Amino acid sequence: MRFAGVAVAVAGVLVAGGAITYAVAEDGGSQGAPSADSADAGFARDMAVHHQQAVEMSYIVRDRTDDVEVRRLAYDIAQTQANQRGMLIGWLDLWGLPKVSADPPMTWMDMGDAPSAGDGSLMPGMATDNEMKKLEKLNGKQAEIFYLQLMTDHHKGGIHMAEGCVDKCTVGVEKRLAQGMVDAQQSEISLMTGMLKERGAKPRS
């Protein structure tokens, strides 16, 4: 029964995602598609990359721990962000815009010249390649703590980007999705802070 419930929930998310994608097409169609250098396109491209790493981290930790609470959180984050990533890429297709840009990440937020953390960390909150490799080597409680710390940082960076879209994007449904990301990820940060405290740890920043 539990798996049936999950299947229904995931199906509901996918149906909602299709409705949102259609709504964006209608919304964008009323004013013309945004340009390739717009905040709408920049946010879609950058957040798709940002979300992909969150999905990867979540699947890694599900293989490194048997803790039900952490595995459930990781599953929820992976499913939500994979679905949102699909929407973002789908909107770029609808608008006839490229999925990659020659400009540095965050250019649409006037942060394209800001130094990145390097080592695979392209945008605020993203884990470095070495941190991803470390997560793959940890097990049990250590993996749980490191994942929760990495994901907290990841959400903080994602919130910063989503708030930028709320401020700068012009497609109404995309702005609403960005605000939804802010609200959901702030809630998850609070949840993860509590989970870290239960494990005798705290966020890194």
C-alpha atoms as a PDB file:
ATOM      1  CA  MET A   1       0.000   0.000   0.000  1.00  0.00           C
ATOM      2  CA  ARG A   2       2.852   2.407   0.787  1.00  0.00           C
ATOM      3  CA  PHE A   3       4.340   1.973  -2.681  1.00  0.00           C
ATOM      4  CA  ALA A   4       0.921   2.446  -4.277  1.00  0.00           C
ATOM      5  CA  GLY A   5       0.567   5.707  -2.403  1.00  0.00           C
ATOM      6  CA  VAL A   6       3.965   6.880  -3.624  1.00  0.00           C
ATOM      7  CA  ALA A   7       3.040   5.991  -7.201  1.00  0.00           C
ATOM      8  CA  VAL A   8      -0.177   8.010  -6.949  1.00  0.00           C
ATOM      9  CA  ALA A   9       1.705  10.963  -5.482  1.00  0.00           C
ATOM     10  CA  VAL A  10       4.348  10.888  -8.218  1.00  0.00           C
ATOM     11  CA  ALA A  11       1.656  10.617 -10.903  1.00  0.00           C
ATOM     12  CA  GLY A  12      -0.034  13.654  -9.400  1.00  0.00           C
ATOM     13  CA  VAL A  13       3.219  15.630  -9.538  1.00  0.00           C
ATOM     14  CA  LEU A  14       3.741  14.704 -13.193  1.00  0.00           C
ATOM     15  CA  VAL A  15       0.200  15.704 -14.136  1.00  0.00           C
ATOM     16  CA  ALA A  16       0.650  19.001 -12.308  1.00  0.00           C
ATOM     17  CA  GLY A  17       3.970  19.492 -14.086  1.00  0.00           C
ATOM     18  CA  GLY A  18       2.294  19.040 -17.464  1.00  0.00           C
ATOM     19  CA  ALA A  19      -0.386  21.553 -16.532  1.00  0.00           C
ATOM     20  CA  ILE A  20       2.246  24.080 -15.438  1.00  0.00           C
ATOM     21  CA  THR A  21       4.230  23.598 -18.657  1.00  0.00           C
ATOM     22  CA  TYR A  22       1.064  24.217 -20.697  1.00  0.00           C
ATOM     23  CA  ALA A  23       0.258  27.257 -18.596  1.00  0.00           C
ATOM     24  CA  VAL A  24       3.727  28.673 -19.220  1.00  0.00           C
ATOM     25  CA  ALA A  25       3.251  28.232 -22.952  1.00  0.00           C
ATOM     26  CA  GLU A  26      -0.028  30.169 -22.688  1.00  0.00           C
ATOM     27  CA  ASP A  27       1.483  32.786 -20.388  1.00  0.00           C
ATOM     28  CA  GLY A  28       4.545  33.266 -22.562  1.00  0.00           C
ATOM     29  CA  GLY A  29       2.455  33.233 -25.711  1.00  0.00           C
ATOM     30  CA  SER A  30       0.472  36.277 -24.594  1.00  0.00           C
ATOM     31  CA  GLN A  31       3.579  38.446 -24.591  1.00  0.00           C
ATOM     32  CA  GLY A  32       5.946  36.567 -26.875  1.00  0.00           C
ATOM     33  CA  ALA A  33       8.690  34.181 -25.836  1.00  0.00           C
ATOM     34  CA  PRO A  34      11.405  35.616 -23.607  1.00  0.00           C
ATOM     35  CA  SER A  35      14.803  36.282 -25.171  1.00  0.00           C
ATOM     36  CA  ALA A  36      17.855  34.057 -24.752  1.00  0.00           C
ATOM     37  CA  ASP A  37      19.498  36.589 -22.439  1.00  0.00           C
ATOM     38  CA  SER A  38      16.394  37.190 -20.326  1.00  0.00           C
ATOM     39  CA  ALA A  39      16.088  36.377 -16.641  1.00  0.00           C
ATOM     40  CA  ASP A  40      13.406  33.819 -17.542  1.00  0.00           C
ATOM     41  CA  ALA A  41      15.786  31.870 -19.790  1.00  0.00           C
ATOM     42  CA  GLY A  42      18.787  32.345 -17.518  1.00  0.00           C
ATOM     43  CA  PHE A  43      16.937  31.079 -14.480  1.00  0.00           C
ATOM     44  CA  ALA A  44      15.605  28.063 -16.387  1.00  0.00           C
ATOM     45  CA  ARG A  45      19.099  27.121 -17.600  1.00  0.00           C
ATOM     46  CA  ASP A  46      20.915  27.700 -14.326  1.00  0.00           C
ATOM     47  CA  MET A  47      18.324  26.133 -12.042  1.00  0.00           C
ATOM     48  CA  ALA A  48      18.164  23.042 -14.273  1.00  0.00           C
ATOM     49  CA  VAL A  49      21.901  22.528 -13.619  1.00  0.00           C
ATOM     50  CA  HIS A  50      21.528  23.352  -9.926  1.00  0.00           C
ATOM     51  CA  HIS A  51      18.648  20.889  -9.533  1.00  0.00           C
ATOM     52  CA  GLN A  52      20.504  18.104 -11.332  1.00  0.00           C
ATOM     53  CA  GLN A  53      23.191  18.055  -8.656  1.00  0.00           C
ATOM     54  CA  ALA A  54      20.572  17.913  -5.894  1.00  0.00           C
ATOM     55  CA  VAL A  55      19.057  14.870  -7.589  1.00  0.00           C
ATOM     56  CA  GLU A  56      22.482  13.222  -7.828  1.00  0.00           C
ATOM     57  CA  MET A  57      23.290  13.873  -4.155  1.00  0.00           C
ATOM     58  CA  SER A  58      19.933  12.499  -3.085  1.00  0.00           C
ATOM     59  CA  TYR A  59      20.369   9.242  -4.980  1.00  0.00           C
ATOM     60  CA  ILE A  60      23.896   8.863  -3.610  1.00  0.00           C
ATOM     61  CA  VAL A  61      22.801   9.124   0.023  1.00  0.00           C
ATOM     62  CA  ARG A  62      19.922   6.679  -0.498  1.00  0.00           C
ATOM     63  CA  ASP A  63      22.580   4.064  -1.224  1.00  0.00           C
ATOM     64  CA  ARG A  64      24.757   5.066   1.747  1.00  0.00           C
ATOM     65  CA  THR A  65      22.254   4.808   4.623  1.00  0.00           C
ATOM     66  CA  ASP A  66      19.334   2.707   5.832  1.00  0.00           C
ATOM     67  CA  ASP A  67      17.838   5.584   7.845  1.00  0.00           C
ATOM     68  CA  VAL A  68      14.171   5.838   6.849  1.00  0.00           C
ATOM     69  CA  GLU A  69      13.882   9.563   7.580  1.00  0.00           C
ATOM     70  CA  VAL A  70      16.884  10.554   5.468  1.00  0.00           C
ATOM     71  CA  ARG A  71      15.951   8.195   2.651  1.00  0.00           C
ATOM     72  CA  ARG A  72      12.410   9.615   2.553  1.00  0.00           C
ATOM     73  CA  LEU A  73      13.719  13.189   2.443  1.00  0.00           C
ATOM     74  CA  ALA A  74      16.229  12.289  -0.278  1.00  0.00           C
ATOM     75  CA  TYR A  75      13.496  10.607  -2.327  1.00  0.00           C
ATOM     76  CA  ASP A  76      11.199  13.633  -2.009  1.00  0.00           C
ATOM     77  CA  ILE A  77      13.948  16.066  -3.001  1.00  0.00           C
ATOM     78  CA  ALA A  78      15.047  13.921  -5.955  1.00  0.00           C
ATOM     79  CA  GLN A  79      11.499  13.526  -7.291  1.00  0.00           C
ATOM     80  CA  THR A  80      10.547  17.169  -6.809  1.00  0.00           C
ATOM     81  CA  GLN A  81      13.685  18.635  -8.314  1.00  0.00           C
ATOM     82  CA  ALA A  82      13.840  16.161 -11.212  1.00  0.00           C
ATOM     83  CA  ASN A  83      10.263  17.121 -12.092  1.00  0.00           C
ATOM     84  CA  GLN A  84      11.004  20.834 -11.825  1.00  0.00           C
ATOM     85  CA  ARG A  85      14.146  20.392 -13.903  1.00  0.00           C
ATOM     86  CA  GLY A  86      12.035  18.767 -16.610  1.00  0.00           C
ATOM     87  CA  MET A  87       9.696  21.764 -16.569  1.00  0.00           C
ATOM     88  CA  LEU A  88      12.563  24.243 -16.846  1.00  0.00           C
ATOM     89  CA  ILE A  89      14.099  22.438 -19.816  1.00  0.00           C
ATOM     90  CA  GLY A  90      10.663  21.996 -21.375  1.00  0.00           C
ATOM     91  CA  TRP A  91      10.026  25.734 -21.186  1.00  0.00           C
ATOM     92  CA  LEU A  92      13.282  26.458 -22.991  1.00  0.00           C
ATOM     93  CA  ASP A  93      12.102  24.095 -25.740  1.00  0.00           C
ATOM     94  CA  LEU A  94       8.713  25.823 -25.866  1.00  0.00           C
ATOM     95  CA  TRP A  95      10.432  29.175 -26.199  1.00  0.00           C
ATOM     96  CA  GLY A  96      12.847  27.873 -28.854  1.00  0.00           C
ATOM     97  CA  LEU A  97      15.846  28.876 -26.730  1.00  0.00           C
ATOM     98  CA  PRO A  98      19.190  27.085 -26.187  1.00  0.00           C
ATOM     99  CA  LYS A  99      19.665  25.027 -23.049  1.00  0.00           C
ATOM    100  CA  VAL A 100      23.239  26.244 -22.619  1.00  0.00           C
ATOM    101  CA  SER A 101      24.789  29.687 -22.829  1.00  0.00           C
ATOM    102  CA  ALA A 102      28.261  31.016 -23.506  1.00  0.00           C
ATOM    103  CA  ASP A 103      27.725  33.510 -20.688  1.00  0.00           C
ATOM    104  CA  PRO A 104      28.849  32.589 -17.163  1.00  0.00           C
ATOM    105  CA  PRO A 105      26.192  31.246 -14.772  1.00  0.00           C
ATOM    106  CA  MET A 106      24.161  33.879 -12.918  1.00  0.00           C
ATOM    107  CA  THR A 107      24.681  36.508 -15.636  1.00  0.00           C
ATOM    108  CA  TRP A 108      20.924  37.087 -15.651  1.00  0.00           C
ATOM    109  CA  MET A 109      21.239  38.087 -11.979  1.00  0.00           C
ATOM    110  CA  ASP A 110      24.103  40.475 -12.800  1.00  0.00           C
ATOM    111  CA  MET A 111      26.423  38.036 -11.015  1.00  0.00           C
ATOM    112  CA  GLY A 112      28.123  36.542 -14.065  1.00  0.00           C
ATOM    113  CA  ASP A 113      31.476  38.026 -13.073  1.00  0.00           C
ATOM    114  CA  ALA A 114      31.301  36.711  -9.501  1.00  0.00           C
ATOM    115  CA  PRO A 115      33.952  34.065  -8.734  1.00  0.00           C
ATOM    116  CA  SER A 116      32.628  30.533  -8.327  1.00  0.00           C
ATOM    117  CA  ALA A 117      33.799  28.037  -5.747  1.00  0.00           C
ATOM    118  CA  GLY A 118      35.453  26.062  -8.558  1.00  0.00           C
ATOM    119  CA  ASP A 119      36.022  22.303  -8.599  1.00  0.00           C
ATOM    120  CA  GLY A 120      32.626  21.672 -10.166  1.00  0.00           C
ATOM    121  CA  SER A 121      30.758  24.196  -8.003  1.00  0.00           C
ATOM    122  CA  LEU A 122      29.367  26.505 -10.687  1.00  0.00           C
ATOM    123  CA  MET A 123      26.779  28.414  -8.678  1.00  0.00           C
ATOM    124  CA  PRO A 124      26.025  29.363  -5.054  1.00  0.00           C
ATOM    125  CA  GLY A 125      25.384  26.358  -2.838  1.00  0.00           C
ATOM    126  CA  MET A 126      26.597  23.747  -5.287  1.00  0.00           C
ATOM    127  CA  ALA A 127      28.870  21.032  -3.925  1.00  0.00           C
ATOM    128  CA  THR A 128      32.372  20.671  -5.308  1.00  0.00           C
ATOM    129  CA  ASP A 129      33.556  17.557  -7.134  1.00  0.00           C
ATOM    130  CA  ASN A 130      35.603  16.578  -4.071  1.00  0.00           C
ATOM    131  CA  GLU A 131      32.560  16.932  -1.810  1.00  0.00           C
ATOM    132  CA  MET A 132      30.522  14.723  -4.134  1.00  0.00           C
ATOM    133  CA  LYS A 133      33.289  12.096  -4.076  1.00  0.00           C
ATOM    134  CA  LYS A 134      33.440  12.299  -0.278  1.00  0.00           C
ATOM    135  CA  LEU A 135      29.686  11.712  -0.013  1.00  0.00           C
ATOM    136  CA  GLU A 136      30.048   8.594  -2.160  1.00  0.00           C
ATOM    137  CA  LYS A 137      32.588   7.166   0.313  1.00  0.00           C
ATOM    138  CA  LEU A 138      30.679   7.782   3.546  1.00  0.00           C
ATOM    139  CA  ASN A 139      28.174   5.432   5.152  1.00  0.00           C
ATOM    140  CA  GLY A 140      25.492   5.550   7.802  1.00  0.00           C
ATOM    141  CA  LYS A 141      25.356   8.504  10.163  1.00  0.00           C
ATOM    142  CA  GLN A 142      28.383  10.188   8.568  1.00  0.00           C
ATOM    143  CA  ALA A 143      26.727  10.079   5.140  1.00  0.00           C
ATOM    144  CA  GLU A 144      23.473  11.387   6.600  1.00  0.00           C
ATOM    145  CA  ILE A 145      25.154  14.361   8.278  1.00  0.00           C
ATOM    146  CA  PHE A 146      27.258  15.306   5.262  1.00  0.00           C
ATOM    147  CA  TYR A 147      24.273  15.028   2.913  1.00  0.00           C
ATOM    148  CA  LEU A 148      22.118  17.197   5.166  1.00  0.00           C
ATOM    149  CA  GLN A 149      24.886  19.793   5.372  1.00  0.00           C
ATOM    150  CA  LEU A 150      25.486  19.788   1.612  1.00  0.00           C
ATOM    151  CA  MET A 151      21.778  19.967   0.838  1.00  0.00           C
ATOM    152  CA  THR A 152      21.262  22.816   3.296  1.00  0.00           C
ATOM    153  CA  ASP A 153      23.960  24.812   1.490  1.00  0.00           C
ATOM    154  CA  HIS A 154      22.452  23.763  -1.844  1.00  0.00           C
ATOM    155  CA  HIS A 155      18.990  24.971  -0.825  1.00  0.00           C
ATOM    156  CA  LYS A 156      20.377  28.316   0.391  1.00  0.00           C
ATOM    157  CA  GLY A 157      21.962  28.876  -3.017  1.00  0.00           C
ATOM    158  CA  GLY A 158      18.801  27.729  -4.775  1.00  0.00           C
ATOM    159  CA  ILE A 159      16.660  30.113  -2.717  1.00  0.00           C
ATOM    160  CA  HIS A 160      18.939  33.005  -3.689  1.00  0.00           C
ATOM    161  CA  MET A 161      18.501  32.151  -7.375  1.00  0.00           C
ATOM    162  CA  ALA A 162      14.744  31.612  -7.092  1.00  0.00           C
ATOM    163  CA  GLU A 163      14.326  34.952  -5.325  1.00  0.00           C
ATOM    164  CA  GLY A 164      16.197  36.500  -8.253  1.00  0.00           C
ATOM    165  CA  CYS A 165      13.639  35.029 -10.655  1.00  0.00           C
ATOM    166  CA  VAL A 166      10.742  36.238  -8.510  1.00  0.00           C
ATOM    167  CA  ASP A 167      12.239  39.713  -8.820  1.00  0.00           C
ATOM    168  CA  LYS A 168      13.400  39.652 -12.454  1.00  0.00           C
ATOM    169  CA  CYS A 169      11.444  37.044 -14.440  1.00  0.00           C
ATOM    170  CA  THR A 170       8.491  38.179 -16.554  1.00  0.00           C
ATOM    171  CA  VAL A 171       6.590  34.919 -17.219  1.00  0.00           C
ATOM    172  CA  GLY A 172       3.992  34.753 -14.473  1.00  0.00           C
ATOM    173  CA  VAL A 173       3.890  30.984 -14.004  1.00  0.00           C
ATOM    174  CA  GLU A 174       7.686  30.788 -13.847  1.00  0.00           C
ATOM    175  CA  LYS A 175       7.730  33.495 -11.178  1.00  0.00           C
ATOM    176  CA  ARG A 176       5.144  31.528  -9.195  1.00  0.00           C
ATOM    177  CA  LEU A 177       7.163  28.325  -9.527  1.00  0.00           C
ATOM    178  CA  ALA A 178      10.253  30.208  -8.299  1.00  0.00           C
ATOM    179  CA  GLN A 179       8.330  31.489  -5.269  1.00  0.00           C
ATOM    180  CA  GLY A 180       7.161  27.931  -4.609  1.00  0.00           C
ATOM    181  CA  MET A 181      10.806  26.823  -4.638  1.00  0.00           C
ATOM    182  CA  VAL A 182      11.673  29.515  -2.089  1.00  0.00           C
ATOM    183  CA  ASP A 183       8.870  28.475   0.250  1.00  0.00           C
ATOM    184  CA  ALA A 184       9.500  24.720  -0.049  1.00  0.00           C
ATOM    185  CA  GLN A 185      13.263  24.909   0.316  1.00  0.00           C
ATOM    186  CA  GLN A 186      13.071  27.235   3.326  1.00  0.00           C
ATOM    187  CA  SER A 187      10.801  24.667   4.960  1.00  0.00           C
ATOM    188  CA  GLU A 188      13.218  21.857   4.107  1.00  0.00           C
ATOM    189  CA  ILE A 189      16.143  23.827   5.537  1.00  0.00           C
ATOM    190  CA  SER A 190      14.275  24.019   8.855  1.00  0.00           C
ATOM    191  CA  LEU A 191      13.574  20.287   8.668  1.00  0.00           C
ATOM    192  CA  MET A 192      17.209  19.450   7.869  1.00  0.00           C
ATOM    193  CA  THR A 193      18.486  21.691  10.669  1.00  0.00           C
ATOM    194  CA  GLY A 194      16.404  19.642  13.090  1.00  0.00           C
ATOM    195  CA  MET A 195      17.614  16.383  11.575  1.00  0.00           C
ATOM    196  CA  LEU A 196      21.215  17.522  11.945  1.00  0.00           C
ATOM    197  CA  LYS A 197      20.617  18.459  15.599  1.00  0.00           C
ATOM    198  CA  GLU A 198      19.215  14.980  16.235  1.00  0.00           C
ATOM    199  CA  ARG A 199      22.528  13.623  14.917  1.00  0.00           C
ATOM    200  CA  GLY A 200      24.680  15.934  17.040  1.00  0.00           C
ATOM    201  CA  ALA A 201      25.600  18.187  14.125  1.00  0.00           C
ATOM    202  CA  LYS A 202      24.619  21.512  12.616  1.00  0.00           C
ATOM    203  CA  PRO A 203      24.658  23.304   9.228  1.00  0.00           C
ATOM    204  CA  ARG A 204      28.072  24.363   7.984  1.00  0.00           C
ATOM    205  CA  SER A 205      27.046  28.002   7.660  1.00  0.00           C
END
